[in-house]
């Protein structure tokens, strides 16, 4: 995407503990047939950060919100 940004980096710089853990086997969550009956009754969220390199606008955190009723992100 931005090749010039990575020109001085070595391949080993891209190895991280997160990459290693991502390759581990995960058990899946049990399938739940229950679903919320109204929007915004249950909201799931995930916070990711602190990024070593800020995004284009300077943000270093990433937040995702998911509405359980509609699965809208």
PDB file of N, CA and C in Angstrom:
ATOM      1  N   UNK A   1       0.815  -1.179   0.000  1.00  0.00           N
ATOM      2  CA  UNK A   1       0.000   0.000   0.000  1.00  0.00           C
ATOM      3  C   UNK A   1       0.866   1.252   0.000  1.00  0.00           C
ATOM      4  N   UNK A   2       1.841   1.311   0.890  1.00  0.00           N
ATOM      5  CA  UNK A   2       2.776   2.422   0.941  1.00  0.00           C
ATOM      6  C   UNK A   2       4.190   1.855   0.945  1.00  0.00           C
ATOM      7  N   UNK A   3       4.671   1.344  -0.188  1.00  0.00           N
ATOM      8  CA  UNK A   3       5.969   0.661  -0.209  1.00  0.00           C
ATOM      9  C   UNK A   3       7.126   1.513   0.277  1.00  0.00           C
ATOM     10  N   UNK A   4       7.093   2.797   0.021  1.00  0.00           N
ATOM     11  CA  UNK A   4       8.206   3.642   0.442  1.00  0.00           C
ATOM     12  C   UNK A   4       8.288   3.755   1.969  1.00  0.00           C
ATOM     13  N   UNK A   5       7.187   3.522   2.651  1.00  0.00           N
ATOM     14  CA  UNK A   5       7.181   3.577   4.114  1.00  0.00           C
ATOM     15  C   UNK A   5       7.972   2.435   4.728  1.00  0.00           C
ATOM     16  N   UNK A   6       8.132   1.338   3.973  1.00  0.00           N
ATOM     17  CA  UNK A   6       8.777   0.141   4.501  1.00  0.00           C
ATOM     18  C   UNK A   6      10.152  -0.115   3.911  1.00  0.00           C
ATOM     19  N   UNK A   7      10.691   0.806   3.149  1.00  0.00           N
ATOM     20  CA  UNK A   7      11.948   0.557   2.431  1.00  0.00           C
ATOM     21  C   UNK A   7      13.134   0.302   3.359  1.00  0.00           C
ATOM     22  N   UNK A   8      13.160   0.889   4.540  1.00  0.00           N
ATOM     23  CA  UNK A   8      14.298   0.722   5.447  1.00  0.00           C
ATOM     24  C   UNK A   8      14.068  -0.358   6.502  1.00  0.00           C
ATOM     25  N   UNK A   9      12.981  -1.103   6.395  1.00  0.00           N
ATOM     26  CA  UNK A   9      12.658  -2.109   7.400  1.00  0.00           C
ATOM     27  C   UNK A   9      13.141  -3.490   6.971  1.00  0.00           C
ATOM     28  N   UNK A  10      13.464  -4.310   7.957  1.00  0.00           N
ATOM     29  CA  UNK A  10      13.914  -5.673   7.736  1.00  0.00           C
ATOM     30  C   UNK A  10      12.711  -6.594   7.971  1.00  0.00           C
ATOM     31  N   UNK A  11      12.653  -7.716   7.262  1.00  0.00           N
ATOM     32  CA  UNK A  11      11.527  -8.637   7.380  1.00  0.00           C
ATOM     33  C   UNK A  11      11.314  -9.082   8.820  1.00  0.00           C
ATOM     34  N   UNK A  12      12.371  -9.282   9.574  1.00  0.00           N
ATOM     35  CA  UNK A  12      12.240  -9.727  10.964  1.00  0.00           C
ATOM     36  C   UNK A  12      11.536  -8.691  11.842  1.00  0.00           C
ATOM     37  N   UNK A  13      11.496  -7.432  11.416  1.00  0.00           N
ATOM     38  CA  UNK A  13      10.785  -6.396  12.166  1.00  0.00           C
ATOM     39  C   UNK A  13       9.279  -6.642  12.182  1.00  0.00           C
ATOM     40  N   UNK A  14       8.791  -7.431  11.235  1.00  0.00           N
ATOM     41  CA  UNK A  14       7.367  -7.661  11.124  1.00  0.00           C
ATOM     42  C   UNK A  14       6.891  -8.860  11.947  1.00  0.00           C
ATOM     43  N   UNK A  15       7.790  -9.552  12.607  1.00  0.00           N
ATOM     44  CA  UNK A  15       7.420 -10.678  13.453  1.00  0.00           C
ATOM     45  C   UNK A  15       6.962 -10.141  14.806  1.00  0.00           C
ATOM     46  N   UNK A  16       5.849 -10.650  15.305  1.00  0.00           N
ATOM     47  CA  UNK A  16       5.365 -10.188  16.608  1.00  0.00           C
ATOM     48  C   UNK A  16       4.733 -11.345  17.365  1.00  0.00           C
ATOM     49  N   UNK A  17       4.540 -11.140  18.653  1.00  0.00           N
ATOM     50  CA  UNK A  17       3.882 -12.152  19.474  1.00  0.00           C
ATOM     51  C   UNK A  17       2.444 -12.333  19.023  1.00  0.00           C
ATOM     52  N   UNK A  18       1.812 -11.263  18.592  1.00  0.00           N
ATOM     53  CA  UNK A  18       0.428 -11.345  18.138  1.00  0.00           C
ATOM     54  C   UNK A  18       0.319 -12.294  16.948  1.00  0.00           C
ATOM     55  N   UNK A  19       1.264 -12.212  16.018  1.00  0.00           N
ATOM     56  CA  UNK A  19       1.248 -13.108  14.852  1.00  0.00           C
ATOM     57  C   UNK A  19       1.374 -14.559  15.296  1.00  0.00           C
ATOM     58  N   UNK A  20       2.223 -14.824  16.264  1.00  0.00           N
ATOM     59  CA  UNK A  20       2.413 -16.184  16.736  1.00  0.00           C
ATOM     60  C   UNK A  20       1.157 -16.704  17.424  1.00  0.00           C
ATOM     61  N   UNK A  21       0.514 -15.868  18.251  1.00  0.00           N
ATOM     62  CA  UNK A  21      -0.705 -16.291  18.930  1.00  0.00           C
ATOM     63  C   UNK A  21      -1.852 -16.469  17.940  1.00  0.00           C
ATOM     64  N   UNK A  22      -1.869 -15.707  16.875  1.00  0.00           N
ATOM     65  CA  UNK A  22      -2.937 -15.818  15.879  1.00  0.00           C
ATOM     66  C   UNK A  22      -2.899 -17.170  15.169  1.00  0.00           C
ATOM     67  N   UNK A  23      -1.767 -17.822  15.163  1.00  0.00           N
ATOM     68  CA  UNK A  23      -1.630 -19.116  14.499  1.00  0.00           C
ATOM     69  C   UNK A  23      -2.044 -20.284  15.404  1.00  0.00           C
ATOM     70  N   UNK A  24      -2.278 -20.010  16.677  1.00  0.00           N
ATOM     71  CA  UNK A  24      -2.674 -21.061  17.602  1.00  0.00           C
ATOM     72  C   UNK A  24      -4.099 -21.504  17.310  1.00  0.00           C
ATOM     73  N   UNK A  25      -4.404 -22.721  17.703  1.00  0.00           N
ATOM     74  CA  UNK A  25      -5.738 -23.266  17.509  1.00  0.00           C
ATOM     75  C   UNK A  25      -6.704 -22.629  18.504  1.00  0.00           C
ATOM     76  N   UNK A  26      -7.857 -22.217  18.012  1.00  0.00           N
ATOM     77  CA  UNK A  26      -8.879 -21.611  18.862  1.00  0.00           C
ATOM     78  C   UNK A  26     -10.117 -22.501  18.862  1.00  0.00           C
ATOM     79  N   UNK A  27     -10.744 -22.627  20.008  1.00  0.00           N
ATOM     80  CA  UNK A  27     -12.030 -23.309  20.033  1.00  0.00           C
ATOM     81  C   UNK A  27     -13.103 -22.279  19.736  1.00  0.00           C
ATOM     82  N   UNK A  28     -14.105 -22.686  18.998  1.00  0.00           N
ATOM     83  CA  UNK A  28     -15.148 -21.746  18.622  1.00  0.00           C
ATOM     84  C   UNK A  28     -16.149 -21.583  19.750  1.00  0.00           C
ATOM     85  N   UNK A  29     -16.835 -20.456  19.741  1.00  0.00           N
ATOM     86  CA  UNK A  29     -17.875 -20.206  20.721  1.00  0.00           C
ATOM     87  C   UNK A  29     -19.086 -21.066  20.383  1.00  0.00           C
ATOM     88  N   UNK A  30     -19.826 -21.505  21.389  1.00  0.00           N
ATOM     89  CA  UNK A  30     -21.024 -22.288  21.094  1.00  0.00           C
ATOM     90  C   UNK A  30     -22.046 -21.437  20.347  1.00  0.00           C
ATOM     91  N   UNK A  31     -22.800 -22.071  19.460  1.00  0.00           N
ATOM     92  CA  UNK A  31     -23.811 -21.353  18.697  1.00  0.00           C
ATOM     93  C   UNK A  31     -24.966 -21.028  19.630  1.00  0.00           C
ATOM     94  N   UNK A  32     -25.336 -19.776  19.646  1.00  0.00           N
ATOM     95  CA  UNK A  32     -26.400 -19.312  20.521  1.00  0.00           C
ATOM     96  C   UNK A  32     -27.595 -18.927  19.663  1.00  0.00           C
ATOM     97  N   UNK A  33     -28.721 -19.576  19.875  1.00  0.00           N
ATOM     98  CA  UNK A  33     -29.910 -19.273  19.084  1.00  0.00           C
ATOM     99  C   UNK A  33     -30.647 -18.049  19.608  1.00  0.00           C
ATOM    100  N   UNK A  34     -30.279 -17.571  20.778  1.00  0.00           N
ATOM    101  CA  UNK A  34     -30.943 -16.397  21.336  1.00  0.00           C
ATOM    102  C   UNK A  34     -30.413 -15.144  20.668  1.00  0.00           C
ATOM    103  N   UNK A  35     -31.313 -14.239  20.361  1.00  0.00           N
ATOM    104  CA  UNK A  35     -30.946 -12.983  19.735  1.00  0.00           C
ATOM    105  C   UNK A  35     -31.739 -11.876  20.416  1.00  0.00           C
ATOM    106  N   UNK A  36     -31.159 -10.722  20.533  1.00  0.00           N
ATOM    107  CA  UNK A  36     -31.860  -9.607  21.158  1.00  0.00           C
ATOM    108  C   UNK A  36     -33.111  -9.269  20.358  1.00  0.00           C
ATOM    109  N   UNK A  37     -34.135  -8.838  21.064  1.00  0.00           N
ATOM    110  CA  UNK A  37     -35.408  -8.525  20.407  1.00  0.00           C
ATOM    111  C   UNK A  37     -35.541  -7.052  20.041  1.00  0.00           C
ATOM    112  N   UNK A  38     -34.619  -6.222  20.512  1.00  0.00           N
ATOM    113  CA  UNK A  38     -34.659  -4.788  20.206  1.00  0.00           C
ATOM    114  C   UNK A  38     -33.247  -4.298  19.919  1.00  0.00           C
ATOM    115  N   UNK A  39     -33.149  -3.313  19.023  1.00  0.00           N
ATOM    116  CA  UNK A  39     -31.826  -2.737  18.752  1.00  0.00           C
ATOM    117  C   UNK A  39     -31.234  -2.089  20.010  1.00  0.00           C
ATOM    118  N   UNK A  40     -29.936  -2.152  20.129  1.00  0.00           N
ATOM    119  CA  UNK A  40     -29.152  -1.523  21.195  1.00  0.00           C
ATOM    120  C   UNK A  40     -29.408  -2.114  22.583  1.00  0.00           C
ATOM    121  N   UNK A  41     -30.008  -3.295  22.650  1.00  0.00           N
ATOM    122  CA  UNK A  41     -30.176  -3.974  23.932  1.00  0.00           C
ATOM    123  C   UNK A  41     -28.837  -4.535  24.402  1.00  0.00           C
ATOM    124  N   UNK A  42     -28.069  -5.051  23.453  1.00  0.00           N
ATOM    125  CA  UNK A  42     -26.750  -5.612  23.761  1.00  0.00           C
ATOM    126  C   UNK A  42     -25.769  -5.157  22.689  1.00  0.00           C
ATOM    127  N   UNK A  43     -24.696  -4.518  23.116  1.00  0.00           N
ATOM    128  CA  UNK A  43     -23.661  -4.026  22.209  1.00  0.00           C
ATOM    129  C   UNK A  43     -22.349  -4.724  22.566  1.00  0.00           C
ATOM    130  N   UNK A  44     -21.710  -5.329  21.578  1.00  0.00           N
ATOM    131  CA  UNK A  44     -20.386  -5.929  21.753  1.00  0.00           C
ATOM    132  C   UNK A  44     -19.359  -4.906  21.282  1.00  0.00           C
ATOM    133  N   UNK A  45     -18.204  -4.872  21.930  1.00  0.00           N
ATOM    134  CA  UNK A  45     -17.169  -3.951  21.470  1.00  0.00           C
ATOM    135  C   UNK A  45     -15.798  -4.564  21.657  1.00  0.00           C
ATOM    136  N   UNK A  46     -14.867  -4.065  20.874  1.00  0.00           N
ATOM    137  CA  UNK A  46     -13.483  -4.506  20.940  1.00  0.00           C
ATOM    138  C   UNK A  46     -12.601  -3.279  20.792  1.00  0.00           C
ATOM    139  N   UNK A  47     -11.614  -3.168  21.661  1.00  0.00           N
ATOM    140  CA  UNK A  47     -10.666  -2.046  21.603  1.00  0.00           C
ATOM    141  C   UNK A  47      -9.299  -2.613  21.288  1.00  0.00           C
ATOM    142  N   UNK A  48      -8.650  -2.049  20.278  1.00  0.00           N
ATOM    143  CA  UNK A  48      -7.325  -2.489  19.878  1.00  0.00           C
ATOM    144  C   UNK A  48      -6.392  -1.296  19.945  1.00  0.00           C
ATOM    145  N   UNK A  49      -5.220  -1.477  20.515  1.00  0.00           N
ATOM    146  CA  UNK A  49      -4.229  -0.407  20.576  1.00  0.00           C
ATOM    147  C   UNK A  49      -3.290  -0.724  21.704  1.00  0.00           C
ATOM    148  N   UNK A  50      -2.433  -0.018  21.880  1.00  0.00           N
ATOM    149  CA  UNK A  50      -1.844   1.206  21.410  1.00  0.00           C
ATOM    150  C   UNK A  50      -0.901   0.854  20.260  1.00  0.00           C
ATOM    151  N   UNK A  51      -1.191   1.355  19.078  1.00  0.00           N
ATOM    152  CA  UNK A  51      -0.368   1.082  17.910  1.00  0.00           C
ATOM    153  C   UNK A  51       0.954   1.834  18.012  1.00  0.00           C
ATOM    154  N   UNK A  52       2.031   1.174  17.629  1.00  0.00           N
ATOM    155  CA  UNK A  52       3.342   1.828  17.661  1.00  0.00           C
ATOM    156  C   UNK A  52       3.412   2.970  16.659  1.00  0.00           C
ATOM    157  N   UNK A  53       2.773   2.752  15.509  1.00  0.00           N
ATOM    158  CA  UNK A  53       2.781   3.764  14.455  1.00  0.00           C
ATOM    159  C   UNK A  53       1.364   4.308  14.319  1.00  0.00           C
ATOM    160  N   UNK A  54       1.167   5.616  14.470  1.00  0.00           N
ATOM    161  CA  UNK A  54      -0.178   6.171  14.356  1.00  0.00           C
ATOM    162  C   UNK A  54      -0.719   6.070  12.928  1.00  0.00           C
ATOM    163  N   UNK A  55      -2.043   6.020  12.823  1.00  0.00           N
ATOM    164  CA  UNK A  55      -2.686   6.009  11.513  1.00  0.00           C
ATOM    165  C   UNK A  55      -2.525   7.370  10.852  1.00  0.00           C
ATOM    166  N   UNK A  56      -3.034   7.516   9.672  1.00  0.00           N
ATOM    167  CA  UNK A  56      -2.866   8.747   8.895  1.00  0.00           C
ATOM    168  C   UNK A  56      -3.324   9.980   9.667  1.00  0.00           C
ATOM    169  N   UNK A  57      -4.442   9.871  10.393  1.00  0.00           N
ATOM    170  CA  UNK A  57      -4.976  11.022  11.122  1.00  0.00           C
ATOM    171  C   UNK A  57      -4.448  11.113  12.548  1.00  0.00           C
ATOM    172  N   UNK A  58      -3.476  10.279  12.897  1.00  0.00           N
ATOM    173  CA  UNK A  58      -2.852  10.346  14.209  1.00  0.00           C
ATOM    174  C   UNK A  58      -3.439   9.411  15.253  1.00  0.00           C
ATOM    175  N   UNK A  59      -4.499   8.685  14.908  1.00  0.00           N
ATOM    176  CA  UNK A  59      -5.117   7.768  15.874  1.00  0.00           C
ATOM    177  C   UNK A  59      -4.193   6.590  16.156  1.00  0.00           C
ATOM    178  N   UNK A  60      -4.196   6.142  17.404  1.00  0.00           N
ATOM    179  CA  UNK A  60      -3.370   4.998  17.775  1.00  0.00           C
ATOM    180  C   UNK A  60      -4.195   3.871  18.373  1.00  0.00           C
ATOM    181  N   UNK A  61      -5.503   4.051  18.424  1.00  0.00           N
ATOM    182  CA  UNK A  61      -6.427   3.059  18.954  1.00  0.00           C
ATOM    183  C   UNK A  61      -7.490   2.771  17.904  1.00  0.00           C
ATOM    184  N   UNK A  62      -8.101   1.584  17.981  1.00  0.00           N
ATOM    185  CA  UNK A  62      -9.163   1.199  17.061  1.00  0.00           C
ATOM    186  C   UNK A  62     -10.281   0.575  17.878  1.00  0.00           C
ATOM    187  N   UNK A  63     -11.504   1.054  17.710  1.00  0.00           N
ATOM    188  CA  UNK A  63     -12.649   0.557  18.465  1.00  0.00           C
ATOM    189  C   UNK A  63     -13.704   0.057  17.485  1.00  0.00           C
ATOM    190  N   UNK A  64     -14.266  -1.116  17.772  1.00  0.00           N
ATOM    191  CA  UNK A  64     -15.349  -1.681  16.967  1.00  0.00           C
ATOM    192  C   UNK A  64     -16.554  -1.903  17.869  1.00  0.00           C
ATOM    193  N   UNK A  65     -17.727  -1.460  17.429  1.00  0.00           N
ATOM    194  CA  UNK A  65     -18.980  -1.685  18.135  1.00  0.00           C
ATOM    195  C   UNK A  65     -19.884  -2.523  17.236  1.00  0.00           C
ATOM    196  N   UNK A  66     -20.522  -3.544  17.795  1.00  0.00           N
ATOM    197  CA  UNK A  66     -21.437  -4.398  17.026  1.00  0.00           C
ATOM    198  C   UNK A  66     -22.758  -4.484  17.781  1.00  0.00           C
ATOM    199  N   UNK A  67     -23.835  -4.113  17.088  1.00  0.00           N
ATOM    200  CA  UNK A  67     -25.180  -4.226  17.641  1.00  0.00           C
ATOM    201  C   UNK A  67     -25.624  -5.680  17.522  1.00  0.00           C
ATOM    202  N   UNK A  68     -25.931  -6.325  18.643  1.00  0.00           N
ATOM    203  CA  UNK A  68     -26.286  -7.755  18.613  1.00  0.00           C
ATOM    204  C   UNK A  68     -27.581  -8.013  17.844  1.00  0.00           C
ATOM    205  N   UNK A  69     -28.497  -7.083  17.873  1.00  0.00           N
ATOM    206  CA  UNK A  69     -29.796  -7.262  17.197  1.00  0.00           C
ATOM    207  C   UNK A  69     -29.639  -7.302  15.684  1.00  0.00           C
ATOM    208  N   UNK A  70     -28.952  -6.340  15.119  1.00  0.00           N
ATOM    209  CA  UNK A  70     -28.839  -6.251  13.653  1.00  0.00           C
ATOM    210  C   UNK A  70     -27.480  -6.709  13.111  1.00  0.00           C
ATOM    211  N   UNK A  71     -26.511  -6.939  14.023  1.00  0.00           N
ATOM    212  CA  UNK A  71     -25.127  -7.277  13.651  1.00  0.00           C
ATOM    213  C   UNK A  71     -24.454  -6.150  12.867  1.00  0.00           C
ATOM    214  N   UNK A  72     -24.983  -4.949  13.022  1.00  0.00           N
ATOM    215  CA  UNK A  72     -24.392  -3.789  12.350  1.00  0.00           C
ATOM    216  C   UNK A  72     -23.129  -3.383  13.095  1.00  0.00           C
ATOM    217  N   UNK A  73     -22.080  -3.095  12.344  1.00  0.00           N
ATOM    218  CA  UNK A  73     -20.807  -2.679  12.939  1.00  0.00           C
ATOM    219  C   UNK A  73     -20.631  -1.187  12.800  1.00  0.00           C
TER     220      UNK A  73
END
